[in-house]
Amino acid sequence: MVSSRIVPAHSMSAPRLVSIILNWNNYEHTHAFAQSLRSTASDEHEVVIVDNNSPNKSTERIQAEFPQYTYIYNDTNVGIAAANNIAIRYAEERRAAFVFLFNNDLEVIEADFFKKMLAYMDAHPRVAMAAPQLLFPDRRVQMSIKRIPTPSNQISELLRLPQRKIDLSRLKKEGGTIPSSYFVMASALLVRVDALRDIGLEDERFVLGYEDVDWVKRAHEAAREVHFVPRATILHHHGVSSKNAMSRMDFYYGEKLRFLMKHHAFLPIALFRLAVSISSLARAFSGRHMRSHLYLAYRIWTYPWTSAAYRIPYTLPQTV
């Protein structure tokens, strides 16, 4: 069982908002994000940085520079969902009304970013979760609204079959309710704490990915609204959270299968595995990244076939 050590911020008055950032061995980006948050921390906004047992002591270095934040040190790397839940429980104990979950590869670029997001939640009391517009470092818009994976739509995507999709152009431009067959990336996700009584915390069986897809899907199933707020923007240095490509691919498909097994029957998932294998072999023999695609064509059959049998048999790659 994980043990956590909490180093609270100087101010101990109850905050309205708790922002949560996870770190594992990534001083550069976590420090940059902490720097961009410096002017936003206040009695009503508590910033919490959760360290997943970083060997390089990167969080201690950040703490020395930003003592106004709260720090939670886990004695083991428990993955994203479990670390988020530790911080969410802390926020509940602090009686915060909202938690804002962030990747550590973000940068606040708007002085009124938090004001915009909280004002939106105040104006829409039925909204359980809301996500801002993510921007790439060159300020291009990053598409963060995606279809919730099902065996059917994943097979169609792999085999390049035609699919019926909802027109999201107005939603992406004006914002509003995300359809129940879609999710929004939780790179930055504002959550109403009292809505978690209906939705629950993140599923800690997800270690590195798909915890956000599952969480948003459960919000839809609990009839709690999930919204997109494009008027608030935040910079996303996308792709820095995990650097080992083969290990990252292993986790990506492992977590995707875990998600599909949680929500779908055996036969459609078996067909999905077959589609992954066929697609990977076709790509391998096209000459690009042959080793990786051949590995995946084999590996997709060796993942467990039931959620109960699921274990993580490999080392966590560098993650937040």
C-alpha atoms as a PDB file:
ATOM      1  CA  MET A   1       0.000   0.000   0.000  1.00  0.00           C
ATOM      2  CA  VAL A   2       1.316   3.430  -0.929  1.00  0.00           C
ATOM      3  CA  SER A   3       2.410   5.803   1.810  1.00  0.00           C
ATOM      4  CA  SER A   4       2.215   9.548   1.179  1.00  0.00           C
ATOM      5  CA  ARG A   5       3.930  12.426   2.957  1.00  0.00           C
ATOM      6  CA  ILE A   6       2.194  15.812   2.719  1.00  0.00           C
ATOM      7  CA  VAL A   7       4.076  19.098   2.964  1.00  0.00           C
ATOM      8  CA  PRO A   8       1.298  21.721   3.174  1.00  0.00           C
ATOM      9  CA  ALA A   9       1.486  25.248   1.823  1.00  0.00           C
ATOM     10  CA  HIS A  10       2.005  28.120   4.253  1.00  0.00           C
ATOM     11  CA  SER A  11      -1.628  29.240   4.023  1.00  0.00           C
ATOM     12  CA  MET A  12      -4.022  26.687   5.480  1.00  0.00           C
ATOM     13  CA  SER A  13      -7.362  28.437   4.857  1.00  0.00           C
ATOM     14  CA  ALA A  14      -9.838  26.301   2.894  1.00  0.00           C
ATOM     15  CA  PRO A  15      -9.339  26.854  -0.859  1.00  0.00           C
ATOM     16  CA  ARG A  16     -12.130  27.000  -3.422  1.00  0.00           C
ATOM     17  CA  LEU A  17      -9.907  25.379  -6.050  1.00  0.00           C
ATOM     18  CA  VAL A  18      -7.111  22.820  -5.780  1.00  0.00           C
ATOM     19  CA  SER A  19      -4.916  22.413  -8.861  1.00  0.00           C
ATOM     20  CA  ILE A  20      -3.165  19.039  -9.114  1.00  0.00           C
ATOM     21  CA  ILE A  21       0.068  18.384 -11.020  1.00  0.00           C
ATOM     22  CA  LEU A  22       1.836  15.015 -11.125  1.00  0.00           C
ATOM     23  CA  ASN A  23       5.592  14.682 -11.462  1.00  0.00           C
ATOM     24  CA  TRP A  24       7.964  11.803 -12.012  1.00  0.00           C
ATOM     25  CA  ASN A  25      11.581  12.699 -12.746  1.00  0.00           C
ATOM     26  CA  ASN A  26      10.621  15.613 -15.010  1.00  0.00           C
ATOM     27  CA  TYR A  27      12.136  18.726 -13.487  1.00  0.00           C
ATOM     28  CA  GLU A  28      12.190  20.844 -16.653  1.00  0.00           C
ATOM     29  CA  HIS A  29       8.499  20.785 -17.556  1.00  0.00           C
ATOM     30  CA  THR A  30       7.094  20.555 -14.032  1.00  0.00           C
ATOM     31  CA  HIS A  31       9.244  23.509 -12.998  1.00  0.00           C
ATOM     32  CA  ALA A  32       8.137  25.535 -16.036  1.00  0.00           C
ATOM     33  CA  PHE A  33       4.482  24.819 -15.274  1.00  0.00           C
ATOM     34  CA  ALA A  34       4.965  25.673 -11.596  1.00  0.00           C
ATOM     35  CA  GLN A  35       6.560  28.947 -12.693  1.00  0.00           C
ATOM     36  CA  SER A  36       3.566  29.792 -14.907  1.00  0.00           C
ATOM     37  CA  LEU A  37       1.214  29.188 -11.953  1.00  0.00           C
ATOM     38  CA  ARG A  38       3.164  31.417  -9.585  1.00  0.00           C
ATOM     39  CA  SER A  39       0.882  34.445  -9.804  1.00  0.00           C
ATOM     40  CA  THR A  40      -2.322  32.373  -9.510  1.00  0.00           C
ATOM     41  CA  ALA A  41      -1.794  30.692  -6.121  1.00  0.00           C
ATOM     42  CA  SER A  42      -3.825  32.308  -3.345  1.00  0.00           C
ATOM     43  CA  ASP A  43      -5.904  31.486  -0.279  1.00  0.00           C
ATOM     44  CA  GLU A  44      -8.687  30.412  -2.666  1.00  0.00           C
ATOM     45  CA  HIS A  45      -6.403  28.507  -5.055  1.00  0.00           C
ATOM     46  CA  GLU A  46      -4.082  25.853  -3.675  1.00  0.00           C
ATOM     47  CA  VAL A  47      -1.538  24.265  -6.017  1.00  0.00           C
ATOM     48  CA  VAL A  48      -0.631  20.660  -5.185  1.00  0.00           C
ATOM     49  CA  ILE A  49       2.343  18.922  -6.792  1.00  0.00           C
ATOM     50  CA  VAL A  50       2.319  15.140  -6.380  1.00  0.00           C
ATOM     51  CA  ASP A  51       5.639  13.324  -6.661  1.00  0.00           C
ATOM     52  CA  ASN A  52       5.483   9.686  -7.782  1.00  0.00           C
ATOM     53  CA  ASN A  53       8.745   8.715  -6.062  1.00  0.00           C
ATOM     54  CA  SER A  54      11.101  10.509  -8.474  1.00  0.00           C
ATOM     55  CA  PRO A  55      14.651   9.107  -8.152  1.00  0.00           C
ATOM     56  CA  ASN A  56      16.185  12.395  -9.349  1.00  0.00           C
ATOM     57  CA  LYS A  57      14.637  14.431  -6.488  1.00  0.00           C
ATOM     58  CA  SER A  58      13.145  16.844  -9.030  1.00  0.00           C
ATOM     59  CA  THR A  59      10.149  17.701  -6.846  1.00  0.00           C
ATOM     60  CA  GLU A  60      12.364  18.598  -3.880  1.00  0.00           C
ATOM     61  CA  ARG A  61      14.180  21.069  -6.133  1.00  0.00           C
ATOM     62  CA  ILE A  62      10.861  22.590  -7.219  1.00  0.00           C
ATOM     63  CA  GLN A  63       9.669  22.767  -3.603  1.00  0.00           C
ATOM     64  CA  ALA A  64      12.766  24.743  -2.636  1.00  0.00           C
ATOM     65  CA  GLU A  65      11.853  27.393  -5.213  1.00  0.00           C
ATOM     66  CA  PHE A  66       8.063  27.350  -4.738  1.00  0.00           C
ATOM     67  CA  PRO A  67       7.333  26.828  -1.025  1.00  0.00           C
ATOM     68  CA  GLN A  68       3.895  28.438  -1.479  1.00  0.00           C
ATOM     69  CA  TYR A  69       2.608  25.187  -3.031  1.00  0.00           C
ATOM     70  CA  THR A  70       1.567  21.979  -1.277  1.00  0.00           C
ATOM     71  CA  TYR A  71       3.612  18.846  -1.984  1.00  0.00           C
ATOM     72  CA  ILE A  72       2.580  15.202  -1.695  1.00  0.00           C
ATOM     73  CA  TYR A  73       5.402  12.654  -1.825  1.00  0.00           C
ATOM     74  CA  ASN A  74       4.387   9.059  -2.633  1.00  0.00           C
ATOM     75  CA  ASP A  75       6.807   6.319  -1.617  1.00  0.00           C
ATOM     76  CA  THR A  76       6.257   4.469  -4.910  1.00  0.00           C
ATOM     77  CA  ASN A  77       5.259   5.293  -8.479  1.00  0.00           C
ATOM     78  CA  VAL A  78       1.572   4.392  -8.373  1.00  0.00           C
ATOM     79  CA  GLY A  79       0.716   5.655 -11.863  1.00  0.00           C
ATOM     80  CA  ILE A  80      -1.523   8.509 -12.920  1.00  0.00           C
ATOM     81  CA  ALA A  81      -4.981   7.500 -11.655  1.00  0.00           C
ATOM     82  CA  ALA A  82      -3.899   6.487  -8.150  1.00  0.00           C
ATOM     83  CA  ALA A  83      -1.730   9.598  -7.736  1.00  0.00           C
ATOM     84  CA  ASN A  84      -4.582  11.837  -8.898  1.00  0.00           C
ATOM     85  CA  ASN A  85      -6.925  10.153  -6.429  1.00  0.00           C
ATOM     86  CA  ILE A  86      -4.534  10.758  -3.541  1.00  0.00           C
ATOM     87  CA  ALA A  87      -4.566  14.469  -4.362  1.00  0.00           C
ATOM     88  CA  ILE A  88      -8.345  14.557  -4.930  1.00  0.00           C
ATOM     89  CA  ARG A  89      -8.922  13.004  -1.499  1.00  0.00           C
ATOM     90  CA  TYR A  90      -6.640  15.667  -0.048  1.00  0.00           C
ATOM     91  CA  ALA A  91      -8.720  18.357  -1.813  1.00  0.00           C
ATOM     92  CA  GLU A  92     -11.914  16.833  -0.401  1.00  0.00           C
ATOM     93  CA  GLU A  93     -10.429  16.979   3.091  1.00  0.00           C
ATOM     94  CA  ARG A  94      -9.624  20.639   2.443  1.00  0.00           C
ATOM     95  CA  ARG A  95     -13.295  21.145   1.440  1.00  0.00           C
ATOM     96  CA  ALA A  96     -12.401  22.465  -2.008  1.00  0.00           C
ATOM     97  CA  ALA A  97     -15.328  22.970  -4.391  1.00  0.00           C
ATOM     98  CA  PHE A  98     -13.253  22.196  -7.491  1.00  0.00           C
ATOM     99  CA  VAL A  99     -10.139  20.280  -8.490  1.00  0.00           C
ATOM    100  CA  PHE A 100      -8.200  21.042 -11.658  1.00  0.00           C
ATOM    101  CA  LEU A 101      -6.186  18.072 -12.935  1.00  0.00           C
ATOM    102  CA  PHE A 102      -3.195  18.955 -15.094  1.00  0.00           C
ATOM    103  CA  ASN A 103      -0.471  17.198 -17.025  1.00  0.00           C
ATOM    104  CA  ASN A 104       2.919  18.567 -16.067  1.00  0.00           C
ATOM    105  CA  ASP A 105       3.727  19.560 -19.673  1.00  0.00           C
ATOM    106  CA  LEU A 106       1.414  22.586 -19.664  1.00  0.00           C
ATOM    107  CA  GLU A 107       1.919  26.331 -19.352  1.00  0.00           C
ATOM    108  CA  VAL A 108      -0.607  28.946 -18.264  1.00  0.00           C
ATOM    109  CA  ILE A 109      -0.516  31.805 -20.786  1.00  0.00           C
ATOM    110  CA  GLU A 110      -3.654  33.763 -19.796  1.00  0.00           C
ATOM    111  CA  ALA A 111      -3.757  35.851 -16.631  1.00  0.00           C
ATOM    112  CA  ASP A 112      -7.501  35.208 -16.296  1.00  0.00           C
ATOM    113  CA  PHE A 113      -7.401  31.495 -17.209  1.00  0.00           C
ATOM    114  CA  PHE A 114      -8.696  30.233 -13.854  1.00  0.00           C
ATOM    115  CA  LYS A 115     -11.210  33.078 -13.588  1.00  0.00           C
ATOM    116  CA  LYS A 116     -12.708  32.093 -16.961  1.00  0.00           C
ATOM    117  CA  MET A 117     -12.954  28.412 -16.077  1.00  0.00           C
ATOM    118  CA  LEU A 118     -14.471  28.950 -12.628  1.00  0.00           C
ATOM    119  CA  ALA A 119     -16.921  31.534 -13.975  1.00  0.00           C
ATOM    120  CA  TYR A 120     -18.054  28.987 -16.545  1.00  0.00           C
ATOM    121  CA  MET A 121     -18.653  26.357 -13.859  1.00  0.00           C
ATOM    122  CA  ASP A 122     -20.553  28.885 -11.734  1.00  0.00           C
ATOM    123  CA  ALA A 123     -22.763  29.749 -14.708  1.00  0.00           C
ATOM    124  CA  HIS A 124     -23.407  26.065 -15.489  1.00  0.00           C
ATOM    125  CA  PRO A 125     -24.071  24.297 -12.162  1.00  0.00           C
ATOM    126  CA  ARG A 126     -24.999  20.976 -13.815  1.00  0.00           C
ATOM    127  CA  VAL A 127     -21.556  20.654 -15.392  1.00  0.00           C
ATOM    128  CA  ALA A 128     -19.379  18.076 -13.633  1.00  0.00           C
ATOM    129  CA  MET A 129     -16.262  18.421 -15.800  1.00  0.00           C
ATOM    130  CA  ALA A 130     -14.972  21.128 -18.118  1.00  0.00           C
ATOM    131  CA  ALA A 131     -11.876  21.293 -20.290  1.00  0.00           C
ATOM    132  CA  PRO A 132     -10.167  24.339 -21.835  1.00  0.00           C
ATOM    133  CA  GLN A 133      -8.745  24.622 -25.330  1.00  0.00           C
ATOM    134  CA  LEU A 134      -5.268  23.097 -25.582  1.00  0.00           C
ATOM    135  CA  LEU A 135      -2.728  24.848 -27.794  1.00  0.00           C
ATOM    136  CA  PHE A 136       0.535  23.558 -29.207  1.00  0.00           C
ATOM    137  CA  PRO A 137       3.622  25.664 -28.373  1.00  0.00           C
ATOM    138  CA  ASP A 138       3.295  27.455 -31.742  1.00  0.00           C
ATOM    139  CA  ARG A 139      -0.299  28.397 -30.717  1.00  0.00           C
ATOM    140  CA  ARG A 140      -1.966  25.998 -33.151  1.00  0.00           C
ATOM    141  CA  VAL A 141      -5.168  24.460 -31.797  1.00  0.00           C
ATOM    142  CA  GLN A 142      -4.782  20.921 -30.480  1.00  0.00           C
ATOM    143  CA  MET A 143      -7.781  18.687 -31.061  1.00  0.00           C
ATOM    144  CA  SER A 144      -8.722  17.362 -27.629  1.00  0.00           C
ATOM    145  CA  ILE A 145     -12.262  16.045 -28.242  1.00  0.00           C
ATOM    146  CA  LYS A 146     -12.188  12.432 -29.397  1.00  0.00           C
ATOM    147  CA  ARG A 147     -14.490   9.459 -29.795  1.00  0.00           C
ATOM    148  CA  ILE A 148     -14.707   7.077 -26.868  1.00  0.00           C
ATOM    149  CA  PRO A 149     -13.088   3.860 -28.137  1.00  0.00           C
ATOM    150  CA  THR A 150     -15.303   0.864 -28.827  1.00  0.00           C
ATOM    151  CA  PRO A 151     -14.263  -2.380 -30.537  1.00  0.00           C
ATOM    152  CA  SER A 152     -16.346  -1.351 -33.551  1.00  0.00           C
ATOM    153  CA  ASN A 153     -14.915   2.124 -34.114  1.00  0.00           C
ATOM    154  CA  GLN A 154     -11.366   0.956 -33.371  1.00  0.00           C
ATOM    155  CA  ILE A 155     -11.623  -1.874 -35.921  1.00  0.00           C
ATOM    156  CA  SER A 156     -12.995   0.564 -38.506  1.00  0.00           C
ATOM    157  CA  GLU A 157     -10.145   2.968 -37.821  1.00  0.00           C
ATOM    158  CA  LEU A 158      -7.455   0.278 -38.063  1.00  0.00           C
ATOM    159  CA  LEU A 159      -8.842  -1.184 -41.292  1.00  0.00           C
ATOM    160  CA  ARG A 160      -9.712   2.263 -42.678  1.00  0.00           C
ATOM    161  CA  LEU A 161     -13.397   1.505 -43.012  1.00  0.00           C
ATOM    162  CA  PRO A 162     -15.965   4.324 -43.352  1.00  0.00           C
ATOM    163  CA  GLN A 163     -17.436   5.608 -40.092  1.00  0.00           C
ATOM    164  CA  ARG A 164     -20.333   7.858 -39.174  1.00  0.00           C
ATOM    165  CA  LYS A 165     -19.183  10.761 -37.028  1.00  0.00           C
ATOM    166  CA  ILE A 166     -20.899  13.673 -35.323  1.00  0.00           C
ATOM    167  CA  ASP A 167     -20.139  17.140 -36.693  1.00  0.00           C
ATOM    168  CA  LEU A 168     -18.202  18.832 -33.873  1.00  0.00           C
ATOM    169  CA  SER A 169     -17.266  22.030 -35.724  1.00  0.00           C
ATOM    170  CA  ARG A 170     -19.691  24.232 -33.777  1.00  0.00           C
ATOM    171  CA  LEU A 171     -18.721  22.657 -30.438  1.00  0.00           C
ATOM    172  CA  LYS A 172     -15.016  23.201 -31.123  1.00  0.00           C
ATOM    173  CA  LYS A 173     -15.648  26.845 -32.012  1.00  0.00           C
ATOM    174  CA  GLU A 174     -18.275  27.855 -29.446  1.00  0.00           C
ATOM    175  CA  GLY A 175     -17.957  25.232 -26.710  1.00  0.00           C
ATOM    176  CA  GLY A 176     -20.708  23.463 -24.827  1.00  0.00           C
ATOM    177  CA  THR A 177     -21.795  19.915 -24.036  1.00  0.00           C
ATOM    178  CA  ILE A 178     -19.612  17.059 -25.258  1.00  0.00           C
ATOM    179  CA  PRO A 179     -21.718  14.248 -26.827  1.00  0.00           C
ATOM    180  CA  SER A 180     -21.963  11.034 -24.814  1.00  0.00           C
ATOM    181  CA  SER A 181     -19.976   9.062 -27.415  1.00  0.00           C
ATOM    182  CA  TYR A 182     -17.017  11.446 -27.074  1.00  0.00           C
ATOM    183  CA  PHE A 183     -14.525  12.382 -24.380  1.00  0.00           C
ATOM    184  CA  VAL A 184     -12.208  15.309 -23.836  1.00  0.00           C
ATOM    185  CA  MET A 185      -8.533  14.782 -23.076  1.00  0.00           C
ATOM    186  CA  ALA A 186      -7.832  15.303 -19.392  1.00  0.00           C
ATOM    187  CA  SER A 187      -4.512  17.073 -19.943  1.00  0.00           C
ATOM    188  CA  ALA A 188      -6.348  19.928 -18.222  1.00  0.00           C
ATOM    189  CA  LEU A 189      -9.691  19.055 -16.645  1.00  0.00           C
ATOM    190  CA  LEU A 190     -11.692  21.065 -14.116  1.00  0.00           C
ATOM    191  CA  VAL A 191     -13.916  18.852 -11.940  1.00  0.00           C
ATOM    192  CA  ARG A 192     -16.717  19.760  -9.538  1.00  0.00           C
ATOM    193  CA  VAL A 193     -15.915  17.858  -6.343  1.00  0.00           C
ATOM    194  CA  ASP A 194     -19.507  17.154  -5.295  1.00  0.00           C
ATOM    195  CA  ALA A 195     -20.149  15.514  -8.695  1.00  0.00           C
ATOM    196  CA  LEU A 196     -17.714  12.778  -7.706  1.00  0.00           C
ATOM    197  CA  ARG A 197     -20.388  11.341  -5.421  1.00  0.00           C
ATOM    198  CA  ASP A 198     -22.146  10.238  -8.624  1.00  0.00           C
ATOM    199  CA  ILE A 199     -19.095   9.555 -10.796  1.00  0.00           C
ATOM    200  CA  GLY A 200     -16.510   8.241  -8.350  1.00  0.00           C
ATOM    201  CA  LEU A 201     -12.755   8.745  -8.405  1.00  0.00           C
ATOM    202  CA  GLU A 202     -10.486   7.635 -11.243  1.00  0.00           C
ATOM    203  CA  ASP A 203     -10.177   3.870 -11.736  1.00  0.00           C
ATOM    204  CA  GLU A 204      -6.754   3.010 -10.311  1.00  0.00           C
ATOM    205  CA  ARG A 205      -6.441  -0.074 -12.511  1.00  0.00           C
ATOM    206  CA  PHE A 206      -5.426   2.359 -15.260  1.00  0.00           C
ATOM    207  CA  VAL A 207      -1.749   3.146 -14.762  1.00  0.00           C
ATOM    208  CA  LEU A 208      -0.693   5.234 -17.760  1.00  0.00           C
ATOM    209  CA  GLY A 209      -3.579   6.273 -19.977  1.00  0.00           C
ATOM    210  CA  TYR A 210      -7.318   5.754 -20.459  1.00  0.00           C
ATOM    211  CA  GLU A 211      -8.089   6.762 -16.882  1.00  0.00           C
ATOM    212  CA  ASP A 212      -9.449  10.003 -18.363  1.00  0.00           C
ATOM    213  CA  VAL A 213     -11.493   8.232 -21.059  1.00  0.00           C
ATOM    214  CA  ASP A 214     -13.023   5.947 -18.439  1.00  0.00           C
ATOM    215  CA  TRP A 215     -13.725   8.868 -16.086  1.00  0.00           C
ATOM    216  CA  VAL A 216     -15.510  10.930 -18.734  1.00  0.00           C
ATOM    217  CA  LYS A 217     -17.475   7.878 -19.901  1.00  0.00           C
ATOM    218  CA  ARG A 218     -18.632   7.287 -16.322  1.00  0.00           C
ATOM    219  CA  ALA A 219     -19.645  10.952 -16.050  1.00  0.00           C
ATOM    220  CA  HIS A 220     -21.804  10.512 -19.160  1.00  0.00           C
ATOM    221  CA  GLU A 221     -23.316   7.323 -17.701  1.00  0.00           C
ATOM    222  CA  ALA A 222     -24.095   9.150 -14.441  1.00  0.00           C
ATOM    223  CA  ALA A 223     -25.957  11.810 -16.485  1.00  0.00           C
ATOM    224  CA  ARG A 224     -23.445  14.475 -15.432  1.00  0.00           C
ATOM    225  CA  GLU A 225     -22.520  17.020 -18.096  1.00  0.00           C
ATOM    226  CA  VAL A 226     -19.023  17.327 -19.553  1.00  0.00           C
ATOM    227  CA  HIS A 227     -18.271  20.592 -21.370  1.00  0.00           C
ATOM    228  CA  PHE A 228     -15.619  22.114 -23.599  1.00  0.00           C
ATOM    229  CA  VAL A 229     -14.619  25.751 -22.955  1.00  0.00           C
ATOM    230  CA  PRO A 230     -12.601  27.104 -25.924  1.00  0.00           C
ATOM    231  CA  ARG A 231     -12.580  30.679 -24.589  1.00  0.00           C
ATOM    232  CA  ALA A 232      -9.978  29.566 -22.016  1.00  0.00           C
ATOM    233  CA  THR A 233      -6.690  28.391 -23.531  1.00  0.00           C
ATOM    234  CA  ILE A 234      -3.594  26.726 -22.129  1.00  0.00           C
ATOM    235  CA  LEU A 235      -0.305  25.740 -23.775  1.00  0.00           C
ATOM    236  CA  HIS A 236       0.406  22.010 -24.067  1.00  0.00           C
ATOM    237  CA  HIS A 237       3.948  20.822 -24.747  1.00  0.00           C
ATOM    238  CA  HIS A 238       2.428  17.605 -26.065  1.00  0.00           C
ATOM    239  CA  GLY A 239       4.275  14.307 -25.865  1.00  0.00           C
ATOM    240  CA  VAL A 240       6.925  14.997 -23.219  1.00  0.00           C
ATOM    241  CA  SER A 241       5.409  12.870 -20.467  1.00  0.00           C
ATOM    242  CA  SER A 242       6.593   9.497 -21.745  1.00  0.00           C
ATOM    243  CA  LYS A 243       9.792   9.053 -23.736  1.00  0.00           C
ATOM    244  CA  ASN A 244      10.425   5.318 -24.264  1.00  0.00           C
ATOM    245  CA  ALA A 245       8.595   4.593 -27.548  1.00  0.00           C
ATOM    246  CA  MET A 246       8.365   0.792 -27.295  1.00  0.00           C
ATOM    247  CA  SER A 247       7.357   0.853 -23.646  1.00  0.00           C
ATOM    248  CA  ARG A 248       4.872   3.641 -24.362  1.00  0.00           C
ATOM    249  CA  MET A 249       3.278   1.575 -27.160  1.00  0.00           C
ATOM    250  CA  ASP A 250       3.095  -1.421 -24.817  1.00  0.00           C
ATOM    251  CA  PHE A 251       1.241   0.640 -22.246  1.00  0.00           C
ATOM    252  CA  TYR A 252      -0.971   2.344 -24.829  1.00  0.00           C
ATOM    253  CA  TYR A 253      -2.416  -0.891 -26.172  1.00  0.00           C
ATOM    254  CA  GLY A 254      -2.414  -2.545 -22.757  1.00  0.00           C
ATOM    255  CA  GLU A 255      -4.463   0.275 -21.260  1.00  0.00           C
ATOM    256  CA  LYS A 256      -6.739   0.433 -24.312  1.00  0.00           C
ATOM    257  CA  LEU A 257      -7.478  -3.289 -23.945  1.00  0.00           C
ATOM    258  CA  ARG A 258      -8.066  -2.826 -20.225  1.00  0.00           C
ATOM    259  CA  PHE A 259     -10.615  -0.109 -21.051  1.00  0.00           C
ATOM    260  CA  LEU A 260     -12.348  -2.181 -23.731  1.00  0.00           C
ATOM    261  CA  MET A 261     -12.496  -5.251 -21.476  1.00  0.00           C
ATOM    262  CA  LYS A 262     -14.079  -3.171 -18.734  1.00  0.00           C
ATOM    263  CA  HIS A 263     -16.899  -1.951 -20.970  1.00  0.00           C
ATOM    264  CA  HIS A 264     -17.364  -4.553 -23.744  1.00  0.00           C
ATOM    265  CA  ALA A 265     -17.849  -8.277 -24.373  1.00  0.00           C
ATOM    266  CA  PHE A 266     -15.217 -10.889 -25.236  1.00  0.00           C
ATOM    267  CA  LEU A 267     -15.936 -11.483 -28.941  1.00  0.00           C
ATOM    268  CA  PRO A 268     -15.753  -7.840 -30.138  1.00  0.00           C
ATOM    269  CA  ILE A 269     -12.462  -7.442 -28.264  1.00  0.00           C
ATOM    270  CA  ALA A 270     -11.067 -10.603 -29.900  1.00  0.00           C
ATOM    271  CA  LEU A 271     -11.978  -9.112 -33.293  1.00  0.00           C
ATOM    272  CA  PHE A 272     -10.234  -5.881 -32.275  1.00  0.00           C
ATOM    273  CA  ARG A 273      -7.060  -7.844 -31.455  1.00  0.00           C
ATOM    274  CA  LEU A 274      -7.247  -9.496 -34.871  1.00  0.00           C
ATOM    275  CA  ALA A 275      -7.620  -6.095 -36.560  1.00  0.00           C
ATOM    276  CA  VAL A 276      -4.586  -4.741 -34.659  1.00  0.00           C
ATOM    277  CA  SER A 277      -2.539  -7.754 -35.750  1.00  0.00           C
ATOM    278  CA  ILE A 278      -3.576  -7.464 -39.417  1.00  0.00           C
ATOM    279  CA  SER A 279      -2.960  -3.709 -39.474  1.00  0.00           C
ATOM    280  CA  SER A 280       0.438  -4.066 -37.768  1.00  0.00           C
ATOM    281  CA  LEU A 281       1.607  -6.772 -40.176  1.00  0.00           C
ATOM    282  CA  ALA A 282       0.535  -4.675 -43.165  1.00  0.00           C
ATOM    283  CA  ARG A 283       2.480  -1.695 -41.834  1.00  0.00           C
ATOM    284  CA  ALA A 284       5.509  -3.829 -40.968  1.00  0.00           C
ATOM    285  CA  PHE A 285       5.805  -5.131 -44.516  1.00  0.00           C
ATOM    286  CA  SER A 286       5.390  -1.633 -45.929  1.00  0.00           C
ATOM    287  CA  GLY A 287       8.902  -1.055 -44.579  1.00  0.00           C
ATOM    288  CA  ARG A 288       8.275   1.603 -41.907  1.00  0.00           C
ATOM    289  CA  HIS A 289       9.104   0.821 -38.272  1.00  0.00           C
ATOM    290  CA  MET A 290       9.075  -2.897 -39.086  1.00  0.00           C
ATOM    291  CA  ARG A 291      10.369  -4.026 -35.694  1.00  0.00           C
ATOM    292  CA  SER A 292       7.746  -2.094 -33.717  1.00  0.00           C
ATOM    293  CA  HIS A 293       4.850  -3.257 -35.890  1.00  0.00           C
ATOM    294  CA  LEU A 294       5.962  -6.901 -35.867  1.00  0.00           C
ATOM    295  CA  TYR A 295       6.251  -6.705 -32.092  1.00  0.00           C
ATOM    296  CA  LEU A 296       2.729  -5.290 -31.784  1.00  0.00           C
ATOM    297  CA  ALA A 297       1.276  -7.925 -34.146  1.00  0.00           C
ATOM    298  CA  TYR A 298       2.559 -10.544 -31.697  1.00  0.00           C
ATOM    299  CA  ARG A 299       2.089  -8.618 -28.452  1.00  0.00           C
ATOM    300  CA  ILE A 300      -1.616  -7.890 -28.956  1.00  0.00           C
ATOM    301  CA  TRP A 301      -2.378 -11.604 -28.425  1.00  0.00           C
ATOM    302  CA  THR A 302      -0.340 -11.910 -25.222  1.00  0.00           C
ATOM    303  CA  TYR A 303      -2.156  -9.269 -23.174  1.00  0.00           C
ATOM    304  CA  PRO A 304      -4.532 -10.824 -20.613  1.00  0.00           C
ATOM    305  CA  TRP A 305      -7.986 -11.801 -21.841  1.00  0.00           C
ATOM    306  CA  THR A 306      -9.914 -10.807 -18.718  1.00  0.00           C
ATOM    307  CA  SER A 307      -9.734  -7.743 -16.489  1.00  0.00           C
ATOM    308  CA  ALA A 308      -9.335  -9.958 -13.425  1.00  0.00           C
ATOM    309  CA  ALA A 309      -6.147 -11.481 -14.878  1.00  0.00           C
ATOM    310  CA  TYR A 310      -4.652  -8.105 -15.730  1.00  0.00           C
ATOM    311  CA  ARG A 311      -1.270  -7.318 -14.237  1.00  0.00           C
ATOM    312  CA  ILE A 312       1.468  -4.901 -15.257  1.00  0.00           C
ATOM    313  CA  PRO A 313       4.439  -7.183 -16.067  1.00  0.00           C
ATOM    314  CA  TYR A 314       6.824  -4.450 -17.120  1.00  0.00           C
ATOM    315  CA  THR A 315       8.461  -1.362 -15.679  1.00  0.00           C
ATOM    316  CA  LEU A 316       6.668   1.963 -15.849  1.00  0.00           C
ATOM    317  CA  PRO A 317       8.165   4.183 -18.556  1.00  0.00           C
ATOM    318  CA  GLN A 318       9.011   7.778 -17.699  1.00  0.00           C
ATOM    319  CA  THR A 319       5.680   9.325 -16.865  1.00  0.00           C
ATOM    320  CA  VAL A 320       4.278  12.308 -15.046  1.00  0.00           C
END
